[in-house]
Amino acid sequence: MRHLKAKYGAGLLVAILVLVTAASAQAGEITTDKLWDLFYRILNFAVLMVILVYFLKKPTVNFFTNRRETIRAELEELEAKRAEVERAYRESESKMASLEDSAREIVAEAVRQGELERERILADAERSAENMKRQAEMAVQHELSMAKSQLRAEIAEEAARAAEELVQKNLQPADEDRMIAGCLDKVGGVQ
């Protein structure tokens, strides 16, 4: 369709030029030799145009068609890349949001675990302190009872020694005989 319009447009332009030239020639300004010269020049130009169109039409049309297709393909590729980049951007934003939430959860869990560990350590320390206190009290009680037993033994030994000294000092041979006789009577009464 375009080619027909171009052909008709070129033909119309040539016809207008011929009519203008003929009208000028009748006015007497242009001679017949000049008209034939103009006619050959126009014919030469028309033939050159037909040859150029004939030989350059297909490569020119192919060039512009290929160029149009290349540009369209590049635009489609760029649109696809843009869509991919936007999708990746949205994906990374959602991942960042989920990572931030995950980080908050991890920190909260670590704090909770730390609190539980602190409470466990404090409870263990309290139990250990109670055990140490109980063991210390038991050790003190044991040492106290040992000291009391040793003191009683020493007091009894000292009392026996003091009594023996007192008896040896105050005991007369007649008292001694009476005591021996009393012991023998007891032993004899038991048998």
C-alpha atoms as a PDB file:
ATOM      1  CA  MET A   1       0.000   0.000   0.000  1.00  0.00           C
ATOM      2  CA  ARG A   2       2.781   2.358   0.891  1.00  0.00           C
ATOM      3  CA  HIS A   3       4.635   1.524  -2.294  1.00  0.00           C
ATOM      4  CA  LEU A   4       1.639   2.500  -4.384  1.00  0.00           C
ATOM      5  CA  LYS A   5       1.347   5.828  -2.602  1.00  0.00           C
ATOM      6  CA  ALA A   6       5.062   6.456  -3.133  1.00  0.00           C
ATOM      7  CA  LYS A   7       4.805   5.618  -6.840  1.00  0.00           C
ATOM      8  CA  TYR A   8       1.750   7.829  -7.329  1.00  0.00           C
ATOM      9  CA  GLY A   9       3.360  10.619  -5.342  1.00  0.00           C
ATOM     10  CA  ALA A  10       6.546  10.461  -7.474  1.00  0.00           C
ATOM     11  CA  GLY A  11       4.489  10.370 -10.689  1.00  0.00           C
ATOM     12  CA  LEU A  12       2.373  13.292  -9.544  1.00  0.00           C
ATOM     13  CA  LEU A  13       5.492  15.273  -8.682  1.00  0.00           C
ATOM     14  CA  VAL A  14       6.981  14.622 -12.147  1.00  0.00           C
ATOM     15  CA  ALA A  15       3.705  15.605 -13.830  1.00  0.00           C
ATOM     16  CA  ILE A  16       3.541  18.846 -11.852  1.00  0.00           C
ATOM     17  CA  LEU A  17       7.129  19.658 -12.778  1.00  0.00           C
ATOM     18  CA  VAL A  18       6.407  19.002 -16.460  1.00  0.00           C
ATOM     19  CA  LEU A  19       3.274  21.160 -16.381  1.00  0.00           C
ATOM     20  CA  VAL A  20       5.055  23.990 -14.613  1.00  0.00           C
ATOM     21  CA  THR A  21       7.898  23.781 -17.110  1.00  0.00           C
ATOM     22  CA  ALA A  22       5.500  23.726 -20.084  1.00  0.00           C
ATOM     23  CA  ALA A  23       3.584  26.673 -18.731  1.00  0.00           C
ATOM     24  CA  SER A  24       6.797  28.569 -18.281  1.00  0.00           C
ATOM     25  CA  ALA A  25       7.875  27.665 -21.788  1.00  0.00           C
ATOM     26  CA  GLN A  26       4.726  29.101 -23.264  1.00  0.00           C
ATOM     27  CA  ALA A  27       5.356  32.277 -21.466  1.00  0.00           C
ATOM     28  CA  GLY A  28       8.510  32.502 -23.478  1.00  0.00           C
ATOM     29  CA  GLU A  29      10.990  32.401 -20.736  1.00  0.00           C
ATOM     30  CA  ILE A  30      12.246  28.895 -21.457  1.00  0.00           C
ATOM     31  CA  THR A  31      13.427  27.712 -24.859  1.00  0.00           C
ATOM     32  CA  THR A  32      12.841  24.289 -26.384  1.00  0.00           C
ATOM     33  CA  ASP A  33      16.476  23.248 -25.907  1.00  0.00           C
ATOM     34  CA  LYS A  34      16.221  24.028 -22.249  1.00  0.00           C
ATOM     35  CA  LEU A  35      13.012  22.030 -22.052  1.00  0.00           C
ATOM     36  CA  TRP A  36      14.615  19.002 -23.664  1.00  0.00           C
ATOM     37  CA  ASP A  37      17.594  19.366 -21.303  1.00  0.00           C
ATOM     38  CA  LEU A  38      15.218  19.524 -18.356  1.00  0.00           C
ATOM     39  CA  PHE A  39      13.279  16.553 -19.684  1.00  0.00           C
ATOM     40  CA  TYR A  40      16.466  14.438 -19.989  1.00  0.00           C
ATOM     41  CA  ARG A  41      17.579  15.458 -16.552  1.00  0.00           C
ATOM     42  CA  ILE A  42      14.199  14.503 -15.102  1.00  0.00           C
ATOM     43  CA  LEU A  43      14.233  11.239 -17.062  1.00  0.00           C
ATOM     44  CA  ASN A  44      17.804  10.577 -15.858  1.00  0.00           C
ATOM     45  CA  PHE A  45      16.741  11.278 -12.273  1.00  0.00           C
ATOM     46  CA  ALA A  46      13.651   9.035 -12.629  1.00  0.00           C
ATOM     47  CA  VAL A  47      15.736   6.175 -14.049  1.00  0.00           C
ATOM     48  CA  LEU A  48      18.268   6.609 -11.237  1.00  0.00           C
ATOM     49  CA  MET A  49      15.431   6.527  -8.714  1.00  0.00           C
ATOM     50  CA  VAL A  50      13.907   3.385 -10.298  1.00  0.00           C
ATOM     51  CA  ILE A  51      17.316   1.653 -10.277  1.00  0.00           C
ATOM     52  CA  LEU A  52      17.967   2.677  -6.658  1.00  0.00           C
ATOM     53  CA  VAL A  53      14.505   1.582  -5.591  1.00  0.00           C
ATOM     54  CA  TYR A  54      14.859  -1.686  -7.512  1.00  0.00           C
ATOM     55  CA  PHE A  55      18.248  -2.590  -6.026  1.00  0.00           C
ATOM     56  CA  LEU A  56      18.030  -0.953  -2.591  1.00  0.00           C
ATOM     57  CA  LYS A  57      14.379  -1.564  -1.776  1.00  0.00           C
ATOM     58  CA  LYS A  58      14.765  -5.118  -0.427  1.00  0.00           C
ATOM     59  CA  PRO A  59      17.994  -4.486   1.605  1.00  0.00           C
ATOM     60  CA  THR A  60      16.577  -1.250   2.995  1.00  0.00           C
ATOM     61  CA  VAL A  61      13.261  -2.853   3.900  1.00  0.00           C
ATOM     62  CA  ASN A  62      15.103  -5.846   5.389  1.00  0.00           C
ATOM     63  CA  PHE A  63      17.418  -3.562   7.342  1.00  0.00           C
ATOM     64  CA  PHE A  64      14.576  -1.568   8.861  1.00  0.00           C
ATOM     65  CA  THR A  65      12.486  -4.707   9.455  1.00  0.00           C
ATOM     66  CA  ASN A  66      15.414  -6.427  11.127  1.00  0.00           C
ATOM     67  CA  ARG A  67      16.184  -3.294  13.098  1.00  0.00           C
ATOM     68  CA  ARG A  68      12.560  -3.075  14.235  1.00  0.00           C
ATOM     69  CA  GLU A  69      12.592  -6.757  15.250  1.00  0.00           C
ATOM     70  CA  THR A  70      15.930  -6.325  17.043  1.00  0.00           C
ATOM     71  CA  ILE A  71      14.637  -3.324  18.946  1.00  0.00           C
ATOM     72  CA  ARG A  72      11.395  -5.159  19.791  1.00  0.00           C
ATOM     73  CA  ALA A  73      13.358  -8.220  20.980  1.00  0.00           C
ATOM     74  CA  GLU A  74      15.667  -6.032  23.071  1.00  0.00           C
ATOM     75  CA  LEU A  75      12.674  -4.248  24.584  1.00  0.00           C
ATOM     76  CA  GLU A  76      10.990  -7.553  25.390  1.00  0.00           C
ATOM     77  CA  GLU A  77      14.236  -8.868  26.878  1.00  0.00           C
ATOM     78  CA  LEU A  78      14.657  -5.703  28.935  1.00  0.00           C
ATOM     79  CA  GLU A  79      11.039  -5.931  30.124  1.00  0.00           C
ATOM     80  CA  ALA A  80      11.588  -9.571  31.093  1.00  0.00           C
ATOM     81  CA  LYS A  81      14.788  -8.647  32.941  1.00  0.00           C
ATOM     82  CA  ARG A  82      13.012  -5.759  34.658  1.00  0.00           C
ATOM     83  CA  ALA A  83      10.197  -8.078  35.746  1.00  0.00           C
ATOM     84  CA  GLU A  84      12.764 -10.620  36.973  1.00  0.00           C
ATOM     85  CA  VAL A  85      14.659  -7.942  38.905  1.00  0.00           C
ATOM     86  CA  GLU A  86      11.432  -6.652  40.466  1.00  0.00           C
ATOM     87  CA  ARG A  87      10.439 -10.203  41.423  1.00  0.00           C
ATOM     88  CA  ALA A  88      13.902 -10.818  42.908  1.00  0.00           C
ATOM     89  CA  TYR A  89      13.682  -7.489  44.764  1.00  0.00           C
ATOM     90  CA  ARG A  90      10.291  -8.386  46.243  1.00  0.00           C
ATOM     91  CA  GLU A  91      11.622 -11.829  47.122  1.00  0.00           C
ATOM     92  CA  SER A  92      14.680 -10.390  48.849  1.00  0.00           C
ATOM     93  CA  GLU A  93      12.535  -7.883  50.728  1.00  0.00           C
ATOM     94  CA  SER A  94      10.308 -10.685  51.996  1.00  0.00           C
ATOM     95  CA  LYS A  95      13.399 -12.733  52.895  1.00  0.00           C
ATOM     96  CA  MET A  96      14.861  -9.751  54.749  1.00  0.00           C
ATOM     97  CA  ALA A  97      11.603  -9.329  56.659  1.00  0.00           C
ATOM     98  CA  SER A  98      11.527 -13.028  57.504  1.00  0.00           C
ATOM     99  CA  LEU A  99      15.222 -12.900  58.493  1.00  0.00           C
ATOM    100  CA  GLU A 100      14.540  -9.973  60.793  1.00  0.00           C
ATOM    101  CA  ASP A 101      11.627 -11.890  62.350  1.00  0.00           C
ATOM    102  CA  SER A 102      13.805 -14.981  62.625  1.00  0.00           C
ATOM    103  CA  ALA A 103      16.603 -12.962  64.227  1.00  0.00           C
ATOM    104  CA  ARG A 104      14.154 -11.514  66.751  1.00  0.00           C
ATOM    105  CA  GLU A 105      12.873 -15.020  67.532  1.00  0.00           C
ATOM    106  CA  ILE A 106      16.433 -16.336  67.944  1.00  0.00           C
ATOM    107  CA  VAL A 107      17.331 -13.460  70.279  1.00  0.00           C
ATOM    108  CA  ALA A 108      14.138 -13.977  72.284  1.00  0.00           C
ATOM    109  CA  GLU A 109      14.831 -17.725  72.511  1.00  0.00           C
ATOM    110  CA  ALA A 110      18.432 -17.058  73.577  1.00  0.00           C
ATOM    111  CA  VAL A 111      17.225 -14.639  76.275  1.00  0.00           C
ATOM    112  CA  ARG A 112      14.652 -17.178  77.460  1.00  0.00           C
ATOM    113  CA  GLN A 113      17.277 -19.953  77.524  1.00  0.00           C
ATOM    114  CA  GLY A 114      19.636 -17.624  79.389  1.00  0.00           C
ATOM    115  CA  GLU A 115      16.980 -16.878  82.000  1.00  0.00           C
ATOM    116  CA  LEU A 116      16.237 -20.589  82.438  1.00  0.00           C
ATOM    117  CA  GLU A 117      19.949 -21.330  82.744  1.00  0.00           C
ATOM    118  CA  ARG A 118      20.373 -18.510  85.254  1.00  0.00           C
ATOM    119  CA  GLU A 119      17.473 -19.851  87.333  1.00  0.00           C
ATOM    120  CA  ARG A 120      18.890 -23.388  87.147  1.00  0.00           C
ATOM    121  CA  ILE A 121      22.347 -22.168  88.199  1.00  0.00           C
ATOM    122  CA  LEU A 122      20.855 -20.177  91.086  1.00  0.00           C
ATOM    123  CA  ALA A 123      18.804 -23.198  92.201  1.00  0.00           C
ATOM    124  CA  ASP A 124      21.904 -25.417  92.006  1.00  0.00           C
ATOM    125  CA  ALA A 125      23.890 -22.833  93.974  1.00  0.00           C
ATOM    126  CA  GLU A 126      21.173 -22.655  96.645  1.00  0.00           C
ATOM    127  CA  ARG A 127      21.071 -26.462  96.913  1.00  0.00           C
ATOM    128  CA  SER A 128      24.856 -26.581  97.123  1.00  0.00           C
ATOM    129  CA  ALA A 129      24.843 -23.874  99.806  1.00  0.00           C
ATOM    130  CA  GLU A 130      22.179 -25.792 101.774  1.00  0.00           C
ATOM    131  CA  ASN A 131      24.182 -29.012 101.452  1.00  0.00           C
ATOM    132  CA  MET A 132      27.360 -27.259 102.547  1.00  0.00           C
ATOM    133  CA  LYS A 133      25.511 -25.668 105.493  1.00  0.00           C
ATOM    134  CA  ARG A 134      24.012 -29.028 106.499  1.00  0.00           C
ATOM    135  CA  GLN A 135      27.397 -30.742 106.181  1.00  0.00           C
ATOM    136  CA  ALA A 136      29.030 -27.971 108.222  1.00  0.00           C
ATOM    137  CA  GLU A 137      26.345 -28.311 110.912  1.00  0.00           C
ATOM    138  CA  MET A 138      26.801 -32.077 110.931  1.00  0.00           C
ATOM    139  CA  ALA A 139      30.576 -31.651 111.147  1.00  0.00           C
ATOM    140  CA  VAL A 140      30.148 -29.177 114.025  1.00  0.00           C
ATOM    141  CA  GLN A 141      27.739 -31.572 115.805  1.00  0.00           C
ATOM    142  CA  HIS A 142      30.132 -34.466 115.291  1.00  0.00           C
ATOM    143  CA  GLU A 143      33.113 -32.448 116.511  1.00  0.00           C
ATOM    144  CA  LEU A 144      31.041 -31.235 119.468  1.00  0.00           C
ATOM    145  CA  SER A 145      29.978 -34.765 120.422  1.00  0.00           C
ATOM    146  CA  MET A 146      33.565 -35.983 119.981  1.00  0.00           C
ATOM    147  CA  ALA A 147      34.797 -33.141 122.151  1.00  0.00           C
ATOM    148  CA  LYS A 148      32.128 -33.942 124.791  1.00  0.00           C
ATOM    149  CA  SER A 149      33.054 -37.643 124.762  1.00  0.00           C
ATOM    150  CA  GLN A 150      36.738 -36.850 125.038  1.00  0.00           C
ATOM    151  CA  LEU A 151      36.011 -34.325 127.802  1.00  0.00           C
ATOM    152  CA  ARG A 152      33.904 -36.874 129.701  1.00  0.00           C
ATOM    153  CA  ALA A 153      36.637 -39.481 129.326  1.00  0.00           C
ATOM    154  CA  GLU A 154      39.235 -37.015 130.554  1.00  0.00           C
ATOM    155  CA  ILE A 155      36.980 -35.912 133.450  1.00  0.00           C
ATOM    156  CA  ALA A 156      36.268 -39.553 134.375  1.00  0.00           C
ATOM    157  CA  GLU A 157      39.961 -40.407 134.221  1.00  0.00           C
ATOM    158  CA  GLU A 158      40.840 -37.327 136.235  1.00  0.00           C
ATOM    159  CA  ALA A 159      38.082 -38.098 138.750  1.00  0.00           C
ATOM    160  CA  ALA A 160      39.299 -41.685 139.065  1.00  0.00           C
ATOM    161  CA  ARG A 161      42.860 -40.526 139.545  1.00  0.00           C
ATOM    162  CA  ALA A 162      41.755 -37.890 142.098  1.00  0.00           C
ATOM    163  CA  ALA A 163      39.600 -40.453 143.886  1.00  0.00           C
ATOM    164  CA  GLU A 164      42.492 -42.927 143.944  1.00  0.00           C
ATOM    165  CA  GLU A 165      44.780 -40.317 145.394  1.00  0.00           C
ATOM    166  CA  LEU A 166      42.170 -39.372 147.949  1.00  0.00           C
ATOM    167  CA  VAL A 167      41.552 -42.981 148.861  1.00  0.00           C
ATOM    168  CA  GLN A 168      45.281 -43.691 149.112  1.00  0.00           C
ATOM    169  CA  LYS A 169      45.726 -40.650 151.295  1.00  0.00           C
ATOM    170  CA  ASN A 170      42.785 -41.277 153.569  1.00  0.00           C
ATOM    171  CA  LEU A 171      42.680 -45.071 153.555  1.00  0.00           C
ATOM    172  CA  GLN A 172      43.975 -46.778 156.722  1.00  0.00           C
ATOM    173  CA  PRO A 173      44.978 -50.412 156.935  1.00  0.00           C
ATOM    174  CA  ALA A 174      41.843 -51.178 159.005  1.00  0.00           C
ATOM    175  CA  ASP A 175      39.641 -49.557 156.334  1.00  0.00           C
ATOM    176  CA  GLU A 176      41.432 -51.594 153.775  1.00  0.00           C
ATOM    177  CA  ASP A 177      40.706 -54.847 155.572  1.00  0.00           C
ATOM    178  CA  ARG A 178      37.060 -53.962 156.005  1.00  0.00           C
ATOM    179  CA  MET A 179      36.680 -53.151 152.328  1.00  0.00           C
ATOM    180  CA  ILE A 180      38.298 -56.389 151.307  1.00  0.00           C
ATOM    181  CA  ALA A 181      36.027 -58.334 153.602  1.00  0.00           C
ATOM    182  CA  GLY A 182      32.951 -56.519 152.257  1.00  0.00           C
ATOM    183  CA  CYS A 183      33.961 -57.302 148.683  1.00  0.00           C
ATOM    184  CA  LEU A 184      34.532 -60.931 149.542  1.00  0.00           C
ATOM    185  CA  ASP A 185      31.145 -61.177 151.168  1.00  0.00           C
ATOM    186  CA  LYS A 186      29.541 -59.758 148.042  1.00  0.00           C
ATOM    187  CA  VAL A 187      31.469 -62.118 145.816  1.00  0.00           C
ATOM    188  CA  GLY A 188      30.695 -65.026 148.124  1.00  0.00           C
ATOM    189  CA  GLY A 189      27.011 -64.091 148.171  1.00  0.00           C
ATOM    190  CA  VAL A 190      26.870 -64.024 144.410  1.00  0.00           C
ATOM    191  CA  GLN A 191      28.240 -67.531 144.034  1.00  0.00           C
END
